[in-house]
Amino acid sequence: MSEMSPQPQSAPPSAVPAAGMPAGPATGLPGAPAGSPPAAGLPAVPAAGMPAAGMPTAGMPTAGMPGGMPPGAMPDPGRRKRRWRLVGLAAMIVFIAGCAIAMTVFLGFNIGVDGLLLGTAAALLPVPVLIGCFMWLDRYEPEPVGYLAFCFAWGAFVATGTALLVNSWSAYLFEGWGLSESLVAVLVAPFIEETMKTLGPVLLLWRRRREWSGITDGIVYCGLSAIGFAMVENILYLGGHGYAASNEQYGPASGAQQLLLIFIVRILFTGFAHPLFTAMAGIGLGVAARTAARPVRWLAPIAGLLVAMMIHGTWNLLPSLVAATGETVVLLYGYLGVMIPAFFGTVGFAIWLRGWEGRLTERALPAYVRAGWLSPPEVATLSSLGRRHAARRWAKRVAGDAGLRAMRNFQFTATKLALLRDGMDRGLFKHVATAEAEERALLDKVTAERAVFVGRDPQTPPARWDGERYHITFPDGVSRPIEAPTSPVVPIPITTYYR
């Protein structure tokens, strides 16, 4: 059957005959036949089938509410908890804002206003490109913008401020001990910088663990923190060591030339360094987020952080070796032998992970097909970005811009549902009732989004999916059961489907 979702018989027509079978992206609301049991652990579809979106749901029990009582009719025991969350959020915003002001004042005082402005302008240039790369990785289930902004701000202001204080204090101690100041970059900076860059995502994992869908999210959150850190650090190097230092001795032209040289080295050649380092810690956090094993939850982040520190320390060691040996070729060998392989290895791994959430839908969502909540073609269209784009184009064709938005939200919600079901199967949630209530809310949202583009294609007849077969109303007005084809027809052809 080729449809984005089956439609109750009262819905407008929407199917196209293909090879003797009704085909074409028909959309609608799936419902199990009366009395059919749901799949184990899944909410039951009402006996009369799910009502069409936009129709009143009177009489349908609300998940977790006795007797179908609406949420507003019961006391809210979590009100005080939400109030404390708001207080904590406000305190975090004030804290990060204070760190931002302190860093701005420090940079302006040490490198001057001109150096601060020019350094900021140059350091901002690679930021959109780097952020875009990480957003490209997070296409299946994009993370909330607020959480991404938190990680970026944490790395830019909290992590840089703390690292600056610790590195400066360590340099003072090393000088008193008669040690070279360059040792700070090898023995201190990797540990404090990677720890502070990772601490922001760790706090997010602690407080918002359900927003972590796996390793991809760990790489994205830690990558955003590292981008913020690198941006502020580049302001100091470009505006201070570059423009301000040369301008003071040789004039503005020399300052601009030095700024350009540092830009080429730090931005064009090694602009990926900090995100690469901290991505190792992100991998560890992502592993911890999707496991129920307590030892793994602790050991995976620690292992990832240690790897990040080791790669960072190795990279910082190269300039010290150049200074000690006088051989600049050491830096080239280190760049080609360490950084480039690590970079391409991490990129390849991240691209492989990019499709993990798509493949997860093929494993987790068929349970909802058997329960009557979803149809086989709906699940089939979620398994790759190409199929998702094809479904969105179809939704826009039959329902306009509203259909496109609804299809996009439908896909994101279905992906969240797959992640939630996978987490429930893994035993990640202590409060099962809360997870089940969230599951029902996601199913209701899937139903509501689907209703925007349901039955809009005039080429497909009314159809209903009962969890095992389709019930299609033919032109003679008779509804007949049709077995689902082995390869569901969707906006683009597929070859396999796993049930």
Protein backbone atom coordinates (compact mmCIF):
# COMPACT_ATOMS: atom_id res chain seq x y z
CA MET A 1 0.00 0.00 0.00
CA SER A 2 1.42 3.36 -0.87
CA GLU A 3 0.33 5.97 1.55
CA MET A 4 1.78 8.14 4.22
CA SER A 5 -0.94 6.80 6.49
CA PRO A 6 -4.28 5.07 6.13
CA GLN A 7 -7.50 7.01 6.42
CA PRO A 8 -10.80 6.07 8.02
CA GLN A 9 -13.51 5.32 5.53
CA SER A 10 -15.24 8.63 6.09
CA ALA A 11 -12.15 10.55 4.93
CA PRO A 12 -11.75 12.13 1.51
CA PRO A 13 -10.36 9.82 -1.16
CA SER A 14 -6.61 9.38 -1.39
CA ALA A 15 -4.98 6.41 -3.19
CA VAL A 16 -3.74 5.57 -6.65
CA PRO A 17 -3.99 2.08 -8.15
CA ALA A 18 -0.53 0.68 -8.83
CA ALA A 19 0.05 -2.84 -10.09
CA GLY A 20 -3.45 -3.83 -9.05
CA MET A 21 -2.99 -2.40 -5.56
CA PRO A 22 -4.17 0.97 -4.29
CA ALA A 23 -1.06 3.10 -4.17
CA GLY A 24 0.11 6.64 -3.79
CA PRO A 25 0.88 8.61 -0.64
CA ALA A 26 -2.48 8.47 1.07
CA THR A 27 -2.65 9.98 4.50
CA GLY A 28 -4.97 9.43 7.39
CA LEU A 29 -5.37 8.20 10.90
CA PRO A 30 -4.68 4.56 11.68
CA GLY A 31 -6.97 2.67 13.96
CA ALA A 32 -6.98 -0.91 15.16
CA PRO A 33 -10.16 -2.92 14.76
CA ALA A 34 -12.46 -3.13 17.73
CA GLY A 35 -11.02 -5.28 20.47
CA SER A 36 -7.62 -5.80 18.88
CA PRO A 37 -4.89 -5.94 21.53
CA PRO A 38 -1.95 -3.56 21.25
CA ALA A 39 1.63 -4.66 20.98
CA ALA A 40 3.24 -5.40 24.32
CA GLY A 41 3.81 -2.25 26.31
CA LEU A 42 2.11 0.05 23.77
CA PRO A 43 -0.97 2.23 24.32
CA ALA A 44 -4.12 0.63 22.96
CA VAL A 45 -5.79 2.21 19.96
CA PRO A 46 -9.46 2.93 20.81
CA ALA A 47 -11.82 0.20 19.65
CA ALA A 48 -13.58 2.47 17.18
CA GLY A 49 -10.30 3.66 15.69
CA MET A 50 -8.46 6.90 16.32
CA PRO A 51 -10.65 9.94 15.57
CA ALA A 52 -9.59 12.24 12.77
CA ALA A 53 -7.50 15.18 13.89
CA GLY A 54 -9.62 18.20 14.54
CA MET A 55 -12.53 16.03 15.76
CA PRO A 56 -13.48 16.17 19.45
CA THR A 57 -11.97 13.46 21.58
CA ALA A 58 -14.67 13.35 24.21
CA GLY A 59 -14.80 10.01 25.92
CA MET A 60 -11.19 9.14 25.16
CA PRO A 61 -9.28 8.54 28.42
CA THR A 62 -6.26 10.73 28.92
CA ALA A 63 -3.05 8.82 29.61
CA GLY A 64 -2.32 8.77 33.29
CA MET A 65 -5.68 10.46 34.18
CA PRO A 66 -8.42 8.36 35.81
CA GLY A 67 -11.76 8.35 34.07
CA GLY A 68 -10.62 10.55 31.23
CA MET A 69 -10.35 13.54 33.59
CA PRO A 70 -8.71 16.46 31.78
CA PRO A 71 -5.30 17.53 33.07
CA GLY A 72 -6.57 20.88 34.35
CA ALA A 73 -9.06 19.19 36.66
CA MET A 74 -6.38 17.62 38.82
CA PRO A 75 -3.86 19.32 41.11
CA ASP A 76 -0.43 19.79 39.63
CA PRO A 77 2.15 18.25 42.00
CA GLY A 78 5.00 19.43 39.77
CA ARG A 79 4.25 23.15 40.02
CA ARG A 80 6.81 23.74 42.73
CA LYS A 81 9.37 21.73 40.80
CA ARG A 82 8.76 23.86 37.68
CA ARG A 83 9.14 26.99 39.78
CA TRP A 84 12.55 25.85 40.99
CA ARG A 85 13.50 25.02 37.42
CA LEU A 86 12.71 28.56 36.38
CA VAL A 87 14.78 29.89 39.27
CA GLY A 88 17.69 27.66 38.24
CA LEU A 89 17.35 28.75 34.61
CA ALA A 90 17.38 32.41 35.60
CA ALA A 91 20.43 31.87 37.80
CA MET A 92 22.27 30.11 34.96
CA ILE A 93 21.45 32.93 32.53
CA VAL A 94 22.70 35.53 34.99
CA PHE A 95 25.86 33.51 35.64
CA ILE A 96 26.71 33.10 31.93
CA ALA A 97 25.89 36.76 31.27
CA GLY A 98 28.22 37.79 34.09
CA CYS A 99 31.01 35.63 32.64
CA ALA A 100 30.39 37.19 29.22
CA ILE A 101 30.68 40.71 30.61
CA ALA A 102 33.83 39.80 32.54
CA MET A 103 35.47 38.30 29.44
CA THR A 104 34.55 41.32 27.33
CA VAL A 105 36.01 43.72 29.89
CA PHE A 106 39.17 41.63 30.23
CA LEU A 107 39.76 41.43 26.48
CA GLY A 108 39.03 45.11 25.94
CA PHE A 109 41.39 46.10 28.72
CA ASN A 110 44.24 43.83 27.59
CA ILE A 111 44.13 44.09 23.80
CA GLY A 112 42.39 47.44 23.38
CA VAL A 113 39.13 48.36 21.72
CA ASP A 114 40.57 48.17 18.19
CA GLY A 115 42.08 44.75 18.82
CA LEU A 116 38.81 43.55 20.39
CA LEU A 117 36.68 44.70 17.46
CA LEU A 118 39.01 43.41 14.73
CA GLY A 119 39.68 40.16 16.57
CA THR A 120 35.95 39.59 17.11
CA ALA A 121 35.16 40.25 13.44
CA ALA A 122 37.83 37.81 12.28
CA ALA A 123 36.99 35.17 14.90
CA LEU A 124 33.29 35.22 13.98
CA LEU A 125 33.90 34.37 10.32
CA PRO A 126 34.29 30.57 10.74
CA VAL A 127 31.60 30.25 13.42
CA PRO A 128 28.56 29.95 11.08
CA VAL A 129 30.41 27.39 8.93
CA LEU A 130 31.36 25.24 11.92
CA ILE A 131 27.90 25.46 13.47
CA GLY A 132 26.36 24.57 10.12
CA CYS A 133 28.50 21.44 9.94
CA PHE A 134 27.28 20.24 13.32
CA MET A 135 23.66 21.12 12.48
CA TRP A 136 24.03 19.05 9.32
CA LEU A 137 24.81 16.06 11.51
CA ASP A 138 21.65 16.62 13.54
CA ARG A 139 19.05 16.51 10.77
CA TYR A 140 16.90 13.58 11.88
CA GLU A 141 15.90 14.98 15.26
CA PRO A 142 17.23 18.54 15.70
CA GLU A 143 18.03 19.57 19.24
CA PRO A 144 16.25 22.52 20.90
CA VAL A 145 17.88 25.82 19.97
CA GLY A 146 17.99 26.87 23.62
CA TYR A 147 20.15 23.89 24.57
CA LEU A 148 22.49 24.51 21.65
CA ALA A 149 22.79 28.18 22.62
CA PHE A 150 23.52 27.17 26.21
CA CYS A 151 26.40 24.91 25.15
CA PHE A 152 27.83 27.57 22.85
CA ALA A 153 27.59 30.30 25.51
CA TRP A 154 29.06 28.00 28.14
CA GLY A 155 32.10 27.28 26.02
CA ALA A 156 32.50 30.91 24.94
CA PHE A 157 32.33 32.58 28.32
CA VAL A 158 32.38 30.16 31.27
CA ALA A 159 34.95 27.70 29.93
CA THR A 160 37.25 30.39 28.50
CA GLY A 161 37.10 32.48 31.66
CA THR A 162 37.92 29.54 33.93
CA ALA A 163 40.66 28.25 31.64
CA LEU A 164 42.20 31.72 31.40
CA LEU A 165 42.37 32.03 35.17
CA VAL A 166 43.84 28.55 35.69
CA ASN A 167 46.36 28.86 32.83
CA SER A 168 47.51 32.30 34.00
CA TRP A 169 47.87 31.13 37.57
CA SER A 170 49.76 28.01 36.42
CA ALA A 171 52.11 30.13 34.28
CA TYR A 172 52.87 32.26 37.33
CA LEU A 173 53.63 29.15 39.40
CA PHE A 174 55.80 27.61 36.69
CA GLU A 175 57.79 30.81 36.39
CA GLY A 176 58.39 30.78 40.13
CA TRP A 177 59.55 27.20 39.93
CA GLY A 178 61.96 28.00 37.13
CA LEU A 179 60.03 25.99 34.55
CA SER A 180 59.26 27.03 31.01
CA GLU A 181 55.92 28.75 30.54
CA SER A 182 55.35 26.65 27.41
CA LEU A 183 54.81 23.63 29.65
CA VAL A 184 51.49 25.13 30.69
CA ALA A 185 50.15 24.45 27.20
CA VAL A 186 51.07 20.77 27.54
CA LEU A 187 50.57 19.94 31.22
CA VAL A 188 47.72 22.25 32.26
CA ALA A 189 45.76 23.70 29.35
CA PRO A 190 44.47 20.41 27.87
CA PHE A 191 43.11 19.27 31.22
CA ILE A 192 41.36 22.45 32.31
CA GLU A 193 40.12 23.44 28.85
CA GLU A 194 38.65 20.07 27.94
CA THR A 195 37.14 19.68 31.39
CA MET A 196 35.43 23.06 31.25
CA LYS A 197 34.24 22.68 27.65
CA THR A 198 32.70 19.32 28.54
CA LEU A 199 31.17 20.46 31.82
CA GLY A 200 28.38 22.41 30.08
CA PRO A 201 27.12 19.40 28.10
CA VAL A 202 27.52 17.28 31.25
CA LEU A 203 25.15 19.62 33.10
CA LEU A 204 22.73 19.37 30.19
CA LEU A 205 22.93 15.57 30.28
CA TRP A 206 22.30 15.62 34.01
CA ARG A 207 19.25 17.87 33.83
CA ARG A 208 17.86 17.02 30.36
CA ARG A 209 18.91 13.46 29.71
CA ARG A 210 15.92 12.71 27.50
CA GLU A 211 17.11 15.29 24.99
CA TRP A 212 20.11 13.09 24.27
CA SER A 213 19.32 10.61 21.53
CA GLY A 214 22.81 9.13 21.35
CA ILE A 215 26.38 9.78 20.27
CA THR A 216 25.37 12.26 17.57
CA ASP A 217 23.83 14.55 20.17
CA GLY A 218 26.95 14.26 22.32
CA ILE A 219 29.13 15.33 19.41
CA VAL A 220 26.79 18.22 18.58
CA TYR A 221 26.50 19.58 22.13
CA CYS A 222 30.22 19.28 22.85
CA GLY A 223 31.07 20.61 19.39
CA LEU A 224 28.99 23.75 20.00
CA SER A 225 30.72 24.28 23.34
CA ALA A 226 34.13 23.91 21.67
CA ILE A 227 33.18 26.34 18.88
CA GLY A 228 32.27 28.97 21.47
CA PHE A 229 35.54 28.37 23.30
CA ALA A 230 37.58 28.59 20.10
CA MET A 231 35.83 31.80 19.06
CA VAL A 232 36.81 33.69 22.22
CA GLU A 233 40.30 32.20 22.21
CA ASN A 234 40.72 33.33 18.60
CA ILE A 235 39.67 36.85 19.58
CA LEU A 236 42.59 36.91 22.01
CA TYR A 237 45.06 35.54 19.46
CA LEU A 238 43.86 37.50 16.44
CA GLY A 239 43.15 40.78 18.16
CA GLY A 240 45.86 40.61 20.84
CA HIS A 241 48.85 38.58 19.65
CA GLY A 242 48.03 39.52 16.05
CA TYR A 243 46.81 43.07 15.53
CA ALA A 244 47.40 44.80 18.88
CA ALA A 245 50.98 43.57 19.43
CA SER A 246 52.20 44.46 15.91
CA ASN A 247 50.23 47.70 15.76
CA GLU A 248 51.86 48.93 18.95
CA GLN A 249 55.36 48.35 17.56
CA TYR A 250 55.10 48.82 13.80
CA GLY A 251 51.75 50.44 13.04
CA PRO A 252 48.31 49.42 11.74
CA ALA A 253 49.55 47.93 8.45
CA SER A 254 51.86 45.53 10.26
CA GLY A 255 49.07 44.72 12.73
CA ALA A 256 46.67 43.84 9.91
CA GLN A 257 49.33 41.68 8.24
CA GLN A 258 50.00 39.76 11.44
CA LEU A 259 46.27 39.32 12.01
CA LEU A 260 45.93 37.81 8.53
CA LEU A 261 48.81 35.38 9.10
CA ILE A 262 47.37 34.16 12.38
CA PHE A 263 43.95 33.89 10.75
CA ILE A 264 45.36 31.57 8.09
CA VAL A 265 47.05 29.34 10.65
CA ARG A 266 44.42 29.25 13.41
CA ILE A 267 41.24 29.46 11.32
CA LEU A 268 41.92 27.97 7.91
CA PHE A 269 44.38 25.24 8.90
CA THR A 270 43.45 24.38 12.50
CA GLY A 271 39.99 25.87 12.98
CA PHE A 272 38.60 22.38 13.56
CA ALA A 273 41.01 21.59 16.40
CA HIS A 274 38.91 22.46 19.46
CA PRO A 275 35.69 20.86 18.12
CA LEU A 276 37.71 17.76 17.23
CA PHE A 277 39.19 17.48 20.73
CA THR A 278 35.91 17.92 22.58
CA ALA A 279 34.01 15.63 20.19
CA MET A 280 35.86 12.75 21.86
CA ALA A 281 34.24 13.66 25.16
CA GLY A 282 30.91 14.03 23.35
CA ILE A 283 31.15 10.45 22.12
CA GLY A 284 31.58 9.27 25.70
CA LEU A 285 28.60 11.33 26.89
CA GLY A 286 26.47 10.02 24.03
CA VAL A 287 27.28 6.43 24.95
CA ALA A 288 26.39 7.12 28.59
CA ALA A 289 23.07 8.69 27.57
CA ARG A 290 21.80 5.54 25.82
CA THR A 291 22.82 2.83 28.27
CA ALA A 292 21.20 1.53 31.42
CA ALA A 293 24.45 0.01 32.72
CA ARG A 294 25.64 2.15 35.61
CA PRO A 295 29.38 1.45 35.15
CA VAL A 296 29.18 2.48 31.50
CA ARG A 297 27.40 5.71 32.45
CA TRP A 298 30.44 6.70 34.49
CA LEU A 299 33.30 5.17 32.56
CA ALA A 300 32.29 6.22 29.03
CA PRO A 301 32.37 10.00 29.72
CA ILE A 302 35.63 9.70 31.65
CA ALA A 303 37.23 7.70 28.82
CA GLY A 304 36.03 10.20 26.22
CA LEU A 305 37.35 13.14 28.25
CA LEU A 306 40.74 11.49 28.70
CA VAL A 307 41.03 10.89 24.95
CA ALA A 308 40.15 14.55 24.33
CA MET A 309 42.86 15.64 26.76
CA MET A 310 45.43 13.33 25.18
CA ILE A 311 44.82 14.58 21.64
CA HIS A 312 44.77 18.19 22.83
CA GLY A 313 47.98 17.74 24.78
CA THR A 314 49.68 16.05 21.83
CA TRP A 315 48.76 18.94 19.57
CA ASN A 316 50.01 21.52 22.08
CA LEU A 317 53.25 19.57 22.47
CA LEU A 318 54.22 20.09 18.83
CA PRO A 319 55.14 23.82 19.14
CA SER A 320 57.21 23.01 22.23
CA LEU A 321 59.09 20.36 20.27
CA VAL A 322 59.69 22.85 17.46
CA ALA A 323 61.11 25.36 19.97
CA ALA A 324 63.30 22.69 21.61
CA THR A 325 64.66 21.15 18.40
CA GLY A 326 64.55 24.09 16.03
CA GLU A 327 62.95 21.81 13.41
CA THR A 328 59.76 23.36 12.10
CA VAL A 329 59.09 20.21 10.12
CA VAL A 330 57.98 18.59 13.40
CA LEU A 331 54.86 20.74 13.28
CA LEU A 332 54.12 19.58 9.74
CA TYR A 333 54.61 15.94 10.66
CA GLY A 334 52.33 16.31 13.65
CA TYR A 335 49.69 18.07 11.58
CA LEU A 336 49.71 15.44 8.83
CA GLY A 337 50.32 12.44 11.07
CA VAL A 338 48.02 13.25 14.01
CA MET A 339 45.50 15.98 13.31
CA ILE A 340 44.47 15.13 9.76
CA PRO A 341 43.90 11.38 10.39
CA ALA A 342 42.03 12.15 13.61
CA PHE A 343 39.91 14.74 11.80
CA PHE A 344 38.90 12.52 8.90
CA GLY A 345 38.37 9.53 11.17
CA THR A 346 36.02 11.54 13.38
CA VAL A 347 34.18 13.00 10.39
CA GLY A 348 33.67 9.53 8.89
CA PHE A 349 32.41 8.20 12.20
CA ALA A 350 30.02 11.15 12.61
CA ILE A 351 28.62 10.69 9.11
CA TRP A 352 28.01 7.01 9.83
CA LEU A 353 26.23 7.99 13.04
CA ARG A 354 24.12 10.52 11.17
CA GLY A 355 21.92 7.76 9.81
CA TRP A 356 21.58 5.98 13.16
CA GLU A 357 18.33 7.72 14.09
CA GLY A 358 16.90 6.90 10.67
CA ARG A 359 17.83 3.24 11.03
CA LEU A 360 16.44 3.28 14.56
CA THR A 361 12.96 4.08 13.26
CA GLU A 362 13.02 0.85 11.24
CA ARG A 363 13.72 -1.10 14.42
CA ALA A 364 11.49 0.66 16.94
CA LEU A 365 8.41 1.87 15.05
CA PRO A 366 7.13 -1.41 13.52
CA ALA A 367 5.69 -2.18 16.96
CA TYR A 368 3.34 0.78 16.45
CA VAL A 369 2.47 -0.59 13.00
CA ARG A 370 1.31 -3.85 14.54
CA ALA A 371 -0.63 -1.91 17.18
CA GLY A 372 -2.41 0.13 14.51
CA TRP A 373 -0.90 3.53 15.32
CA LEU A 374 1.26 3.77 12.19
CA SER A 375 1.16 2.21 8.74
CA PRO A 376 4.09 0.46 7.01
CA PRO A 377 4.64 3.26 4.45
CA GLU A 378 4.88 5.86 7.21
CA VAL A 379 7.71 3.97 8.84
CA ALA A 380 9.36 3.36 5.49
CA THR A 381 9.50 7.07 4.71
CA LEU A 382 11.37 7.83 7.95
CA SER A 383 14.38 5.61 7.36
CA SER A 384 16.46 8.03 5.26
CA LEU A 385 16.70 11.74 4.62
CA GLY A 386 15.97 11.20 0.93
CA ARG A 387 12.65 9.54 1.72
CA ARG A 388 11.81 12.25 4.24
CA HIS A 389 12.43 14.96 1.67
CA ALA A 390 10.26 13.10 -0.85
CA ALA A 391 7.45 12.86 1.72
CA ARG A 392 7.73 16.59 2.45
CA ARG A 393 7.49 17.44 -1.24
CA TRP A 394 4.40 15.28 -1.51
CA ALA A 395 2.84 16.90 1.57
CA LYS A 396 3.48 20.35 0.14
CA ARG A 397 1.91 19.34 -3.15
CA VAL A 398 -1.31 18.09 -1.58
CA ALA A 399 -1.61 20.50 1.40
CA GLY A 400 0.61 23.50 0.66
CA ASP A 401 3.00 25.09 3.14
CA ALA A 402 0.89 23.94 6.08
CA GLY A 403 1.26 20.36 4.87
CA LEU A 404 5.01 20.78 4.56
CA ARG A 405 5.28 22.06 8.14
CA ALA A 406 3.01 19.29 9.39
CA MET A 407 5.01 16.59 7.60
CA ARG A 408 8.25 17.96 9.03
CA ASN A 409 6.78 17.98 12.54
CA PHE A 410 5.32 14.52 11.96
CA GLN A 411 8.77 13.18 11.07
CA PHE A 412 10.50 14.83 14.02
CA THR A 413 7.82 13.58 16.43
CA ALA A 414 7.96 10.06 15.01
CA THR A 415 11.75 10.07 15.48
CA LYS A 416 11.31 11.16 19.10
CA LEU A 417 8.79 8.37 19.52
CA ALA A 418 11.31 5.85 18.18
CA LEU A 419 13.98 7.15 20.55
CA LEU A 420 11.56 7.00 23.47
CA ARG A 421 10.51 3.44 22.66
CA ASP A 422 14.15 2.42 22.26
CA GLY A 423 14.93 3.97 25.64
CA MET A 424 12.01 2.16 27.25
CA ASP A 425 13.15 -1.12 25.77
CA ARG A 426 16.66 -0.47 27.08
CA GLY A 427 15.35 0.32 30.56
CA LEU A 428 16.67 3.90 30.58
CA PHE A 429 13.72 5.41 32.47
CA LYS A 430 13.23 5.00 36.17
CA HIS A 431 9.66 6.34 36.08
CA VAL A 432 7.93 4.10 33.56
CA ALA A 433 4.55 5.80 34.02
CA THR A 434 6.04 9.15 33.03
CA ALA A 435 7.62 7.62 29.93
CA GLU A 436 4.31 5.99 28.99
CA ALA A 437 2.49 9.32 29.36
CA GLU A 438 5.08 10.95 27.13
CA GLU A 439 4.67 8.12 24.64
CA ARG A 440 0.91 8.72 24.45
CA ALA A 441 1.47 12.47 24.06
CA LEU A 442 3.82 11.83 21.12
CA LEU A 443 1.28 9.49 19.52
CA ASP A 444 -1.40 12.14 19.87
CA LYS A 445 0.91 14.70 18.31
CA VAL A 446 1.67 12.35 15.42
CA THR A 447 -2.08 12.00 14.88
CA ALA A 448 -2.64 15.76 14.99
CA GLU A 449 0.18 16.57 12.57
CA ARG A 450 -0.95 13.86 10.17
CA ALA A 451 -4.45 15.37 10.01
CA VAL A 452 -3.10 18.47 8.25
CA PHE A 453 -2.25 16.55 5.09
CA VAL A 454 -4.65 13.62 5.52
CA GLY A 455 -7.00 12.87 2.64
CA ARG A 456 -5.77 15.80 0.56
CA ASP A 457 -4.65 13.72 -2.41
CA PRO A 458 -7.71 13.29 -4.67
CA GLN A 459 -6.11 10.32 -6.45
CA THR A 460 -6.30 7.89 -3.52
CA PRO A 461 -9.41 6.21 -2.09
CA PRO A 462 -10.40 6.10 1.57
CA ALA A 463 -8.36 3.52 3.47
CA ARG A 464 -7.82 2.34 7.03
CA TRP A 465 -4.95 0.34 8.55
CA ASP A 466 -5.89 -2.06 11.35
CA GLY A 467 -2.40 -3.21 12.27
CA GLU A 468 -2.34 -6.16 9.87
CA ARG A 469 -4.10 -5.19 6.63
CA TYR A 470 -5.71 -2.29 4.81
CA HIS A 471 -9.45 -1.75 4.50
CA ILE A 472 -9.97 0.14 1.25
CA THR A 473 -13.21 1.57 -0.07
CA PHE A 474 -13.35 0.83 -3.77
CA PRO A 475 -15.30 2.87 -6.36
CA ASP A 476 -18.30 0.52 -6.00
CA GLY A 477 -18.59 1.69 -2.37
CA VAL A 478 -17.59 -1.65 -0.85
CA SER A 479 -14.75 -1.78 1.70
CA ARG A 480 -12.47 -4.77 1.20
CA PRO A 481 -9.45 -5.91 3.26
CA ILE A 482 -6.15 -5.87 1.38
CA GLU A 483 -2.95 -7.46 2.64
CA ALA A 484 0.02 -5.11 2.93
CA PRO A 485 2.59 -5.59 0.16
CA THR A 486 6.03 -6.82 1.15
CA SER A 487 7.55 -3.55 -0.09
CA PRO A 488 5.31 -0.61 0.85
CA VAL A 489 4.97 1.97 -1.90
CA VAL A 490 6.01 5.40 -0.69
CA PRO A 491 6.81 8.70 -2.45
CA ILE A 492 10.01 7.02 -3.62
CA PRO A 493 10.41 3.25 -4.11
CA ILE A 494 11.97 1.10 -1.39
CA THR A 495 13.27 -2.43 -1.61
CA THR A 496 12.94 -3.80 1.90
CA TYR A 497 10.90 -3.28 5.00
CA TYR A 498 11.46 -4.92 8.35
CA ARG A 499 8.46 -6.06 10.33
